[in-house]
N, C-alpha and C. Protein backbone atom coordinates (compact mmCIF):
# COMPACT_ATOMS: atom_id res chain seq x y z
N MET A 1 0.90 -1.55 -0.04
CA MET A 1 -0.08 -0.24 0.08
C MET A 1 0.90 1.14 -0.01
N ALA A 2 0.74 1.96 -0.69
CA ALA A 2 1.47 3.63 -0.77
C ALA A 2 1.20 3.87 0.34
N THR A 3 2.19 4.84 0.44
CA THR A 3 2.10 5.67 1.31
C THR A 3 2.23 6.87 1.51
N THR A 4 2.01 7.49 0.19
CA THR A 4 1.87 9.04 -0.13
C THR A 4 0.85 9.45 0.65
N LYS A 5 0.94 10.98 0.56
CA LYS A 5 -0.44 11.42 1.43
C LYS A 5 -1.23 11.78 0.18
N ALA A 6 -2.42 12.10 0.12
CA ALA A 6 -3.26 12.22 -0.96
C ALA A 6 -3.48 13.55 -0.86
N GLU A 7 -3.93 14.53 -2.07
CA GLU A 7 -3.80 15.94 -1.59
C GLU A 7 -4.84 16.40 -1.64
N ARG A 8 -6.49 15.41 -1.87
CA ARG A 8 -7.50 15.50 -1.21
C ARG A 8 -8.34 14.73 -1.00
N LEU A 9 -9.01 14.73 0.00
CA LEU A 9 -9.98 13.81 0.00
C LEU A 9 -11.22 13.91 -0.55
N TYR A 10 -11.80 12.83 -1.68
CA TYR A 10 -12.76 12.74 -2.44
C TYR A 10 -14.45 12.55 -1.53
N PHE A 11 -14.72 13.67 -0.74
CA PHE A 11 -15.73 13.61 0.71
C PHE A 11 -16.90 14.28 0.27
N THR A 12 -16.58 15.77 -0.22
CA THR A 12 -17.34 16.62 -0.62
C THR A 12 -18.15 16.95 -2.12
N GLY A 13 -17.08 16.88 -3.15
CA GLY A 13 -17.60 17.02 -4.28
C GLY A 13 -17.06 18.94 -4.88
N ASN A 14 -16.71 19.41 -3.71
CA ASN A 14 -15.41 20.52 -3.95
C ASN A 14 -14.27 20.17 -3.70
N ASP A 15 -13.43 20.60 -4.57
CA ASP A 15 -12.02 20.81 -5.05
C ASP A 15 -11.94 21.14 -3.30
N GLU A 16 -12.18 22.92 -2.84
CA GLU A 16 -11.62 23.73 -1.89
C GLU A 16 -11.78 22.81 -0.52
N ALA A 17 -12.79 21.86 -0.69
CA ALA A 17 -12.91 21.75 1.09
C ALA A 17 -12.36 20.17 0.78
N ASP A 18 -12.01 19.54 -0.19
CA ASP A 18 -11.61 18.40 -0.14
C ASP A 18 -9.93 18.33 0.08
N GLU A 19 -9.52 19.56 -0.49
CA GLU A 19 -8.07 19.42 -0.15
C GLU A 19 -7.82 20.32 1.32
N LEU A 20 -8.63 20.38 1.63
CA LEU A 20 -8.66 21.21 3.05
C LEU A 20 -8.77 19.86 3.87
N LEU A 21 -9.17 19.12 3.69
CA LEU A 21 -9.72 18.27 4.58
C LEU A 21 -8.20 17.43 4.35
N ALA A 22 -7.71 16.95 3.39
CA ALA A 22 -6.44 16.38 3.40
C ALA A 22 -5.22 17.18 3.96
N ARG A 23 -5.12 18.54 3.87
CA ARG A 23 -4.35 19.05 4.55
C ARG A 23 -4.33 19.45 5.82
N ASP A 24 -5.56 19.99 6.52
CA ASP A 24 -5.66 20.33 7.78
C ASP A 24 -6.03 19.60 8.85
N PRO A 25 -5.26 18.21 9.71
CA PRO A 25 -6.29 17.79 10.35
C PRO A 25 -7.16 18.02 11.21
N VAL A 26 -7.46 19.45 11.44
CA VAL A 26 -8.39 20.33 12.57
C VAL A 26 -9.74 20.04 11.50
N ALA A 27 -9.63 20.35 9.92
CA ALA A 27 -10.57 20.25 9.25
C ALA A 27 -11.07 18.89 9.55
N LEU A 28 -10.27 17.73 9.11
CA LEU A 28 -10.63 16.27 9.41
C LEU A 28 -11.31 16.11 9.93
N LEU A 29 -10.99 16.70 11.07
CA LEU A 29 -11.81 16.26 12.95
C LEU A 29 -13.13 16.85 12.83
N ILE A 30 -12.72 17.75 12.54
CA ILE A 30 -14.16 18.82 12.50
C ILE A 30 -15.46 17.83 11.62
N GLY A 31 -14.89 17.39 10.32
CA GLY A 31 -15.92 16.89 9.36
C GLY A 31 -16.54 15.83 10.02
N PHE A 32 -15.35 14.38 10.91
CA PHE A 32 -15.95 13.67 11.47
C PHE A 32 -16.91 13.87 12.77
N ILE A 33 -16.56 14.82 13.23
CA ILE A 33 -17.59 15.37 14.12
C ILE A 33 -18.80 15.60 13.48
N LEU A 34 -18.65 16.44 12.82
CA LEU A 34 -19.82 16.96 11.74
C LEU A 34 -20.80 15.61 11.53
N ASP A 35 -20.23 14.61 10.92
CA ASP A 35 -20.81 14.10 10.02
C ASP A 35 -21.81 12.87 11.05
N GLN A 36 -22.95 13.56 11.25
CA GLN A 36 -24.33 12.45 12.12
C GLN A 36 -25.56 13.49 11.48
N GLN A 37 -26.36 13.19 11.23
CA GLN A 37 -27.74 13.29 10.81
C GLN A 37 -27.77 14.24 9.67
N VAL A 38 -26.75 14.59 8.98
CA VAL A 38 -26.73 14.94 7.72
C VAL A 38 -26.22 14.63 6.57
N PRO A 39 -26.41 14.94 5.72
CA PRO A 39 -25.44 14.39 4.12
C PRO A 39 -23.61 14.51 4.43
N LEU A 40 -23.00 13.13 4.46
CA LEU A 40 -21.44 12.93 4.50
C LEU A 40 -20.79 14.40 3.54
N GLU A 41 -21.58 14.49 2.48
CA GLU A 41 -20.89 15.60 1.96
C GLU A 41 -21.14 17.30 2.98
N ARG A 42 -22.19 17.41 3.06
CA ARG A 42 -22.58 18.65 4.05
C ARG A 42 -21.61 18.36 5.27
N ALA A 43 -21.62 17.55 5.76
CA ALA A 43 -20.36 17.49 6.97
C ALA A 43 -19.22 17.94 6.52
N PHE A 44 -18.77 17.25 5.96
CA PHE A 44 -17.45 17.26 5.33
C PHE A 44 -16.97 18.88 4.60
N ALA A 45 -17.86 19.39 3.94
CA ALA A 45 -17.70 20.89 3.30
C ALA A 45 -18.06 21.87 4.42
N ALA A 46 -18.16 21.35 6.06
CA ALA A 46 -18.15 22.26 6.66
C ALA A 46 -16.96 22.83 6.73
N PRO A 47 -16.12 22.10 7.67
CA PRO A 47 -15.18 22.93 7.89
C PRO A 47 -14.52 23.96 7.26
N LEU A 48 -14.67 24.10 5.97
CA LEU A 48 -14.47 24.98 4.65
C LEU A 48 -15.15 26.45 5.32
N GLU A 49 -16.61 26.12 5.48
CA GLU A 49 -17.53 27.17 5.59
C GLU A 49 -17.25 27.75 6.88
N LEU A 50 -16.91 26.91 7.62
CA LEU A 50 -16.41 27.77 9.00
C LEU A 50 -15.14 28.57 8.94
N LYS A 51 -14.26 27.96 8.40
CA LYS A 51 -12.81 28.61 8.63
C LYS A 51 -13.17 30.25 8.03
N ARG A 52 -13.99 29.95 6.65
CA ARG A 52 -14.82 30.96 5.96
C ARG A 52 -15.22 32.25 6.45
N ARG A 53 -16.51 31.57 7.94
CA ARG A 53 -17.28 32.39 8.71
C ARG A 53 -16.27 32.82 9.97
N PHE A 54 -15.40 31.91 10.42
CA PHE A 54 -14.85 32.69 11.80
C PHE A 54 -13.46 33.15 11.52
N GLY A 55 -12.43 32.80 10.20
CA GLY A 55 -11.44 32.86 9.95
C GLY A 55 -10.38 32.65 10.17
N THR A 56 -10.21 31.14 10.61
CA THR A 56 -9.48 30.52 11.41
C THR A 56 -10.21 29.05 11.68
N LEU A 57 -9.20 28.08 11.37
CA LEU A 57 -9.38 27.19 12.43
C LEU A 57 -8.61 26.35 12.86
N GLU A 58 -7.60 27.61 13.47
CA GLU A 58 -6.60 27.25 14.63
C GLU A 58 -7.68 26.62 15.97
N PRO A 59 -6.73 25.32 16.46
CA PRO A 59 -7.86 24.92 17.50
C PRO A 59 -7.57 25.86 18.45
N GLU A 60 -6.91 26.60 19.06
CA GLU A 60 -6.48 27.92 20.50
C GLU A 60 -8.10 29.15 19.76
N ALA A 61 -8.45 28.85 18.53
CA ALA A 61 -9.19 30.50 18.60
C ALA A 61 -10.48 29.79 18.92
N ILE A 62 -10.94 28.50 18.27
CA ILE A 62 -12.19 27.97 18.19
C ILE A 62 -12.34 27.95 19.86
N ALA A 63 -11.49 26.74 20.54
CA ALA A 63 -11.70 26.49 21.87
C ALA A 63 -11.75 27.92 23.03
N GLY A 64 -11.19 29.30 22.30
CA GLY A 64 -11.48 30.30 22.82
C GLY A 64 -12.08 31.13 22.76
N ALA A 65 -13.23 30.39 21.78
CA ALA A 65 -14.25 31.99 21.23
C ALA A 65 -15.67 31.77 22.12
N GLU A 66 -16.58 32.77 22.16
CA GLU A 66 -17.62 32.63 22.57
C GLU A 66 -18.18 32.00 22.51
N PRO A 67 -18.98 30.95 23.16
CA PRO A 67 -20.04 29.74 22.81
C PRO A 67 -21.21 30.69 22.05
N ALA A 68 -21.62 31.83 22.49
CA ALA A 68 -22.79 32.29 21.57
C ALA A 68 -22.10 32.45 19.92
N GLU A 69 -21.10 33.28 19.80
CA GLU A 69 -20.20 33.80 19.44
C GLU A 69 -20.48 32.42 17.65
N LEU A 70 -19.53 31.61 18.36
CA LEU A 70 -19.61 29.87 17.91
C LEU A 70 -20.85 29.45 17.02
N GLU A 71 -21.81 29.67 17.90
CA GLU A 71 -22.98 28.87 17.78
C GLU A 71 -24.33 29.94 16.84
N ARG A 72 -23.60 31.16 16.69
CA ARG A 72 -24.04 32.24 15.61
C ARG A 72 -23.77 31.78 14.59
N ILE A 73 -21.93 31.90 14.43
CA ILE A 73 -21.50 31.18 12.82
C ILE A 73 -22.04 29.88 12.14
N PHE A 74 -22.21 28.96 13.36
CA PHE A 74 -22.98 28.13 13.12
C PHE A 74 -24.60 28.19 12.70
N SER A 75 -25.06 28.43 13.20
CA SER A 75 -26.46 28.77 12.66
C SER A 75 -26.74 29.69 11.52
N GLU A 76 -25.78 30.66 11.16
CA GLU A 76 -25.64 31.39 9.69
C GLU A 76 -26.16 30.21 8.65
N ARG A 77 -27.33 31.64 7.89
CA ARG A 77 -27.64 30.61 6.59
C ARG A 77 -26.84 30.40 5.41
N PRO A 78 -26.48 29.50 5.27
CA PRO A 78 -27.08 27.95 5.75
C PRO A 78 -26.34 27.17 6.52
N ALA A 79 -27.42 26.94 7.84
CA ALA A 79 -26.52 26.16 8.76
C ALA A 79 -25.34 25.37 8.52
N LEU A 80 -24.78 25.35 9.05
CA LEU A 80 -23.74 24.22 9.32
C LEU A 80 -24.09 22.95 9.22
N HIS A 81 -25.16 22.44 9.88
CA HIS A 81 -24.90 21.96 10.37
C HIS A 81 -26.79 21.37 10.65
N ARG A 82 -27.21 20.44 10.59
CA ARG A 82 -28.90 20.24 10.92
C ARG A 82 -28.94 20.61 12.59
N PHE A 83 -27.96 20.39 13.26
CA PHE A 83 -28.09 20.92 15.20
C PHE A 83 -27.20 21.67 15.07
N PRO A 84 -26.97 22.83 14.72
CA PRO A 84 -26.32 24.36 14.66
C PRO A 84 -25.69 24.34 16.33
N GLY A 85 -26.73 24.70 17.19
CA GLY A 85 -25.74 24.80 18.51
C GLY A 85 -25.51 24.00 19.06
N THR A 86 -25.21 22.39 18.96
CA THR A 86 -25.01 20.90 19.13
C THR A 86 -23.75 20.95 19.00
N MET A 87 -23.74 21.25 17.51
CA MET A 87 -22.35 20.77 16.85
C MET A 87 -21.21 22.27 17.04
N ALA A 88 -21.72 23.21 16.89
CA ALA A 88 -20.75 24.28 17.61
C ALA A 88 -20.07 23.87 19.14
N ARG A 89 -21.14 23.70 19.92
CA ARG A 89 -20.50 23.23 21.26
C ARG A 89 -19.36 22.22 21.40
N ARG A 90 -19.73 21.14 20.52
CA ARG A 90 -18.65 19.82 20.22
C ARG A 90 -17.78 20.20 19.43
N THR A 91 -17.92 21.02 18.07
CA THR A 91 -16.19 21.37 17.86
C THR A 91 -15.51 22.16 18.41
N GLN A 92 -15.99 22.81 19.68
CA GLN A 92 -15.47 23.47 20.40
C GLN A 92 -14.56 22.54 21.36
N GLU A 93 -15.28 21.66 22.15
CA GLU A 93 -14.73 20.42 23.06
C GLU A 93 -13.54 19.88 22.02
N LEU A 94 -14.24 19.74 20.85
CA LEU A 94 -13.11 18.94 19.98
C LEU A 94 -11.57 19.77 19.90
N CYS A 95 -11.73 21.19 19.29
CA CYS A 95 -10.61 22.15 19.32
C CYS A 95 -9.90 22.57 21.09
N ALA A 96 -10.95 22.78 22.20
CA ALA A 96 -10.07 22.58 23.36
C ALA A 96 -9.47 21.41 23.59
N ALA A 97 -9.95 20.13 23.66
CA ALA A 97 -9.17 19.11 23.65
C ALA A 97 -7.82 18.66 22.91
N ILE A 98 -7.94 19.32 21.81
CA ILE A 98 -6.29 19.51 21.11
C ILE A 98 -5.90 20.13 21.70
N VAL A 99 -5.81 21.47 22.19
CA VAL A 99 -5.23 22.16 22.89
C VAL A 99 -4.82 22.28 24.07
N SER A 100 -5.36 21.12 24.64
CA SER A 100 -5.05 20.51 26.15
C SER A 100 -4.24 18.91 26.07
N GLU A 101 -4.56 18.61 25.31
CA GLU A 101 -3.87 17.26 24.74
C GLU A 101 -2.80 17.71 24.05
N TYR A 102 -2.94 18.15 23.21
CA TYR A 102 -1.88 18.30 21.92
C TYR A 102 -0.73 19.50 21.57
N GLY A 103 -1.14 20.65 23.04
CA GLY A 103 -0.61 21.72 22.23
C GLY A 103 -1.25 22.38 21.12
N GLY A 104 -2.68 22.03 20.69
CA GLY A 104 -3.17 22.79 19.64
C GLY A 104 -2.29 22.17 18.20
N GLU A 105 -1.50 20.94 18.14
CA GLU A 105 -1.53 20.58 17.08
C GLU A 105 -2.23 19.62 16.80
N ALA A 106 -3.30 19.42 15.99
CA ALA A 106 -3.92 17.90 15.82
C ALA A 106 -3.44 16.37 15.18
N GLU A 107 -2.59 17.11 14.56
CA GLU A 107 -1.73 15.97 13.66
C GLU A 107 -0.53 14.95 15.07
N ARG A 108 -0.59 15.84 16.25
CA ARG A 108 0.12 15.01 17.20
C ARG A 108 -0.64 13.99 17.91
N ILE A 109 -1.92 13.55 17.26
CA ILE A 109 -2.67 13.03 17.86
C ILE A 109 -2.40 11.36 17.09
N TRP A 110 -2.04 11.72 15.77
CA TRP A 110 -1.63 9.99 15.21
C TRP A 110 -0.19 10.26 15.01
N ASN A 111 0.59 11.68 15.00
CA ASN A 111 2.10 10.91 14.64
C ASN A 111 2.71 10.64 15.69
N GLU A 112 2.14 10.98 17.12
CA GLU A 112 3.26 10.60 18.55
C GLU A 112 2.59 9.30 18.89
N ALA A 113 1.85 8.85 18.55
CA ALA A 113 1.20 7.42 18.53
C ALA A 113 1.72 6.06 18.42
N GLU A 114 2.28 5.38 19.67
CA GLU A 114 3.68 4.27 19.48
C GLU A 114 2.91 3.40 18.57
N ASN A 115 1.58 3.16 18.76
CA ASN A 115 0.93 1.70 17.75
C ASN A 115 -0.64 2.26 17.34
N ALA A 116 -1.12 1.59 16.71
CA ALA A 116 -2.50 1.48 16.15
C ALA A 116 -3.67 1.57 17.45
N THR A 117 -2.96 0.39 18.88
CA THR A 117 -4.39 0.97 19.32
C THR A 117 -3.99 1.91 20.00
N GLU A 118 -2.67 2.68 20.44
CA GLU A 118 -2.47 3.82 21.19
C GLU A 118 -3.27 5.10 20.43
N LEU A 119 -3.28 4.91 18.75
CA LEU A 119 -4.17 5.70 18.11
C LEU A 119 -5.34 6.00 18.21
N LYS A 120 -6.17 4.41 18.38
CA LYS A 120 -7.32 4.31 17.97
C LYS A 120 -7.62 4.96 19.63
N ARG A 121 -6.86 4.57 20.72
CA ARG A 121 -7.47 5.25 22.33
C ARG A 121 -7.62 6.82 22.10
N ARG A 122 -6.48 7.40 21.84
CA ARG A 122 -6.57 8.85 21.00
C ARG A 122 -7.41 9.24 21.02
N LEU A 123 -7.90 8.68 19.33
CA LEU A 123 -9.32 9.15 18.93
C LEU A 123 -10.35 9.14 19.76
N LEU A 124 -10.67 7.85 20.11
CA LEU A 124 -11.66 7.51 21.04
C LEU A 124 -11.70 8.75 22.42
N ASP A 125 -10.73 9.06 22.80
CA ASP A 125 -10.38 10.27 24.21
C ASP A 125 -11.14 11.61 23.78
N LEU A 126 -11.47 11.71 22.10
CA LEU A 126 -11.59 13.07 21.85
C LEU A 126 -13.26 13.41 21.63
N PRO A 127 -13.69 14.22 21.90
CA PRO A 127 -15.42 14.68 22.20
C PRO A 127 -15.61 14.26 20.85
N GLY A 128 -16.82 13.54 20.81
CA GLY A 128 -17.70 13.52 19.48
C GLY A 128 -17.44 12.58 18.68
N ILE A 129 -16.38 11.71 18.83
CA ILE A 129 -16.00 10.46 18.19
C ILE A 129 -15.85 9.25 18.96
N GLY A 130 -16.46 8.24 18.43
CA GLY A 130 -17.05 7.12 18.59
C GLY A 130 -16.40 5.52 18.00
N GLU A 131 -16.68 4.88 18.58
CA GLU A 131 -16.02 3.27 17.86
C GLU A 131 -16.12 3.78 16.45
N MET A 132 -17.16 3.91 15.56
CA MET A 132 -17.70 3.81 14.68
C MET A 132 -16.56 4.62 13.60
N LYS A 133 -17.20 6.02 14.13
CA LYS A 133 -15.82 7.24 13.83
C LYS A 133 -14.37 7.01 13.71
N VAL A 134 -14.24 6.23 14.49
CA VAL A 134 -12.91 5.70 14.50
C VAL A 134 -12.20 4.86 13.63
N ARG A 135 -13.55 4.24 13.52
CA ARG A 135 -12.67 2.92 12.08
C ARG A 135 -12.58 3.52 10.98
N SER A 136 -13.19 4.26 10.64
CA SER A 136 -13.22 4.90 9.71
C SER A 136 -12.36 6.34 9.56
N LEU A 137 -12.14 7.23 10.46
CA LEU A 137 -11.07 7.85 10.63
C LEU A 137 -9.77 6.68 10.46
N LEU A 138 -9.64 5.98 11.63
CA LEU A 138 -8.24 5.63 10.83
C LEU A 138 -7.95 4.83 9.70
N ALA A 139 -8.66 4.50 9.12
CA ALA A 139 -8.56 4.02 7.20
C ALA A 139 -8.07 5.12 6.54
N VAL A 140 -8.62 6.18 6.85
CA VAL A 140 -8.60 7.44 5.74
C VAL A 140 -7.26 8.25 6.48
N LEU A 141 -6.81 8.07 7.62
CA LEU A 141 -5.38 8.34 8.35
C LEU A 141 -4.37 7.00 7.68
N VAL A 142 -4.83 6.11 7.29
CA VAL A 142 -3.74 4.94 6.86
C VAL A 142 -3.48 5.04 5.48
N LYS A 143 -4.76 5.26 5.19
CA LYS A 143 -4.78 4.50 3.42
C LYS A 143 -5.01 6.34 2.22
N ARG A 144 -4.99 6.93 3.35
CA ARG A 144 -5.05 8.13 2.40
C ARG A 144 -4.15 9.19 2.81
N LEU A 145 -3.72 9.14 3.72
CA LEU A 145 -3.08 10.25 4.72
C LEU A 145 -1.14 9.74 5.00
N GLY A 146 -0.80 8.63 4.59
CA GLY A 146 0.02 8.04 5.09
C GLY A 146 0.66 7.79 6.00
N VAL A 147 -0.45 7.55 7.03
CA VAL A 147 0.02 7.44 8.76
C VAL A 147 -0.45 6.18 9.23
N ARG A 148 0.94 5.66 9.58
CA ARG A 148 1.11 4.33 9.82
C ARG A 148 2.03 3.90 11.37
N PRO A 149 1.02 3.52 12.10
CA PRO A 149 1.66 3.24 13.39
C PRO A 149 1.54 1.94 13.54
N ALA A 150 2.51 1.45 14.27
CA ALA A 150 2.82 0.32 14.24
C ALA A 150 1.47 -0.83 14.86
N GLY A 151 1.27 -1.91 14.03
CA GLY A 151 0.00 -2.26 13.98
C GLY A 151 -1.04 -2.38 13.11
N TRP A 152 -0.86 -1.40 12.66
CA TRP A 152 -1.75 -0.51 11.39
C TRP A 152 -2.51 -1.68 10.50
N GLU A 153 -1.92 -2.43 9.84
CA GLU A 153 -2.94 -3.73 9.64
C GLU A 153 -3.82 -4.09 9.98
N GLU A 154 -3.04 -4.93 11.22
CA GLU A 154 -4.28 -5.25 12.10
C GLU A 154 -5.68 -4.85 12.74
N ALA A 155 -5.26 -3.33 12.49
CA ALA A 155 -6.30 -2.08 13.03
C ALA A 155 -7.55 -1.71 12.14
N LEU A 156 -6.64 -1.98 10.59
CA LEU A 156 -8.03 -1.30 9.49
C LEU A 156 -9.06 -2.03 9.86
N PRO A 157 -10.33 -1.67 9.48
CA PRO A 157 -11.95 -2.31 8.95
C PRO A 157 -11.56 -2.87 8.22
N LYS A 158 -12.07 -4.34 8.22
CA LYS A 158 -12.70 -4.98 6.56
C LYS A 158 -13.65 -4.83 6.46
N HIS A 159 -14.41 -3.98 6.00
CA HIS A 159 -15.71 -3.40 5.38
C HIS A 159 -15.00 -2.35 4.69
N HIS A 160 -15.78 -1.77 3.92
CA HIS A 160 -15.48 -0.80 2.92
C HIS A 160 -15.76 0.70 3.95
N THR A 161 -14.64 1.64 3.79
CA THR A 161 -14.79 2.82 4.93
C THR A 161 -14.44 4.24 3.73
N LEU A 162 -14.89 5.64 4.87
CA LEU A 162 -14.19 6.39 3.52
C LEU A 162 -12.44 6.20 3.19
N GLY A 163 -12.00 5.68 4.20
CA GLY A 163 -10.62 5.45 3.86
C GLY A 163 -10.27 4.52 2.40
N ASP A 164 -11.38 4.08 1.95
CA ASP A 164 -11.51 3.14 0.45
C ASP A 164 -11.92 4.93 -0.93
N VAL A 165 -12.00 5.55 -0.04
CA VAL A 165 -12.82 6.63 -0.96
C VAL A 165 -11.38 7.19 -1.85
N ASP A 166 -11.08 7.04 -3.30
CA ASP A 166 -9.80 7.78 -3.81
C ASP A 166 -10.43 8.78 -4.99
N SER A 167 -11.51 8.70 -5.26
CA SER A 167 -11.90 9.20 -6.63
C SER A 167 -13.35 9.67 -6.13
N PRO A 168 -14.20 10.26 -7.01
CA PRO A 168 -15.68 11.01 -7.05
C PRO A 168 -16.09 9.44 -7.25
N GLU A 169 -15.65 8.59 -7.66
CA GLU A 169 -16.36 7.34 -9.14
C GLU A 169 -16.73 6.68 -7.61
N SER A 170 -15.35 6.55 -6.62
CA SER A 170 -15.08 5.54 -5.73
C SER A 170 -16.29 5.64 -4.33
N PHE A 171 -16.40 7.57 -3.86
CA PHE A 171 -17.03 8.11 -3.08
C PHE A 171 -18.76 7.64 -3.97
N GLU A 172 -19.19 7.28 -4.96
CA GLU A 172 -20.17 6.74 -5.29
C GLU A 172 -20.18 5.48 -4.74
N HIS A 173 -19.51 4.86 -5.18
CA HIS A 173 -19.63 2.96 -4.70
C HIS A 173 -19.80 2.91 -3.36
N TYR A 174 -18.90 3.80 -2.23
CA TYR A 174 -19.08 3.86 -0.96
C TYR A 174 -20.35 4.35 -0.50
N GLN A 175 -21.03 5.20 -1.07
CA GLN A 175 -22.04 5.76 -0.63
C GLN A 175 -23.17 5.14 -1.20
N GLU A 176 -23.30 3.86 -2.19
CA GLU A 176 -24.21 2.84 -2.76
C GLU A 176 -23.92 2.04 -1.39
N ALA A 177 -23.15 1.50 -1.01
CA ALA A 177 -22.93 0.79 -0.16
C ALA A 177 -22.92 0.80 0.93
N LYS A 178 -22.94 2.22 1.64
CA LYS A 178 -23.64 2.70 3.19
C LYS A 178 -25.34 2.21 2.82
N ARG A 179 -25.37 2.90 1.46
CA ARG A 179 -27.00 2.88 1.84
C ARG A 179 -27.20 1.22 1.80
N ALA A 180 -26.62 0.75 1.10
CA ALA A 180 -27.18 -0.84 0.64
C ALA A 180 -27.06 -1.76 2.19
N TYR A 181 -25.91 -1.25 3.27
CA TYR A 181 -26.00 -1.59 4.49
C TYR A 181 -26.70 -1.42 5.43
N LYS A 182 -27.19 0.10 5.67
CA LYS A 182 -28.39 0.42 6.40
C LYS A 182 -29.65 -0.06 5.74
N ALA A 183 -29.80 -0.43 4.64
CA ALA A 183 -31.38 -1.24 4.30
C ALA A 183 -31.12 -2.50 4.91
N SER A 184 -30.34 -3.10 4.89
CA SER A 184 -29.28 -4.46 5.52
C SER A 184 -30.19 -4.52 7.03
N LEU A 185 -29.58 -3.23 7.41
CA LEU A 185 -29.96 -3.24 9.02
C LEU A 185 -31.10 -3.13 9.43
N ARG A 186 -32.00 -2.03 8.58
CA ARG A 186 -33.39 -1.81 8.91
C ARG A 186 -34.60 -2.99 8.60
N ALA A 187 -33.79 -4.12 7.51
CA ALA A 187 -34.59 -5.01 7.14
C ALA A 187 -34.88 -5.89 8.37
N ALA A 188 -33.28 -6.11 9.01
CA ALA A 188 -32.95 -7.31 10.17
C ALA A 188 -33.93 -7.06 10.96
N ARG A 189 -33.62 -5.48 11.38
CA ARG A 189 -35.12 -4.99 13.07
C ARG A 189 -36.07 -5.50 12.25
N ALA A 190 -36.63 -5.25 10.84
CA ALA A 190 -37.82 -5.57 11.03
C ALA A 190 -38.29 -7.08 10.79
N ALA A 191 -37.30 -7.82 10.88
CA ALA A 191 -37.55 -8.82 10.97
C ALA A 191 -37.47 -9.34 12.21
N GLU A 192 -37.46 -9.26 12.77
CA GLU A 192 -37.07 -9.47 14.25
C GLU A 192 -38.80 -9.00 15.09
């Protein structure tokens, strides 16, 4: 598997947003935080719009922002998320954790992890990142961004994830696989 870093992540259909996700670890983490109850493209495009509205994605600035101001920025039309208040708070909590635990340098989360197990723990310790997001985020870090902690081969999910998306076409394949998986879960629940 190649270890080169992708110049863009094909998650939004917007070149500028996709390039920001590959270049800025904070943008990537915020995208993962926002990736719930909204279309994936919207969640991962939001960090670029947040940067435009707020002026920066520096964790110190976001962590230190007045909560009401950040909520206003998230709520401005079009809102950055379906639940702007909650997601403004989660984004601020994420940035506060990056500042307090990693000196404001989000890439330290993975660059300083001794192994894949520690990386998973570090990711799980972040506000708003759960087990499912950790698996997908780990796959993106390894497959798209060249992060290689010891034991990464065993840590990667066996199913299709965002880490497998390397083009607009593979994004469509990912979306189809995700819809089919969710449909199978609904069918299984209905059969119970």
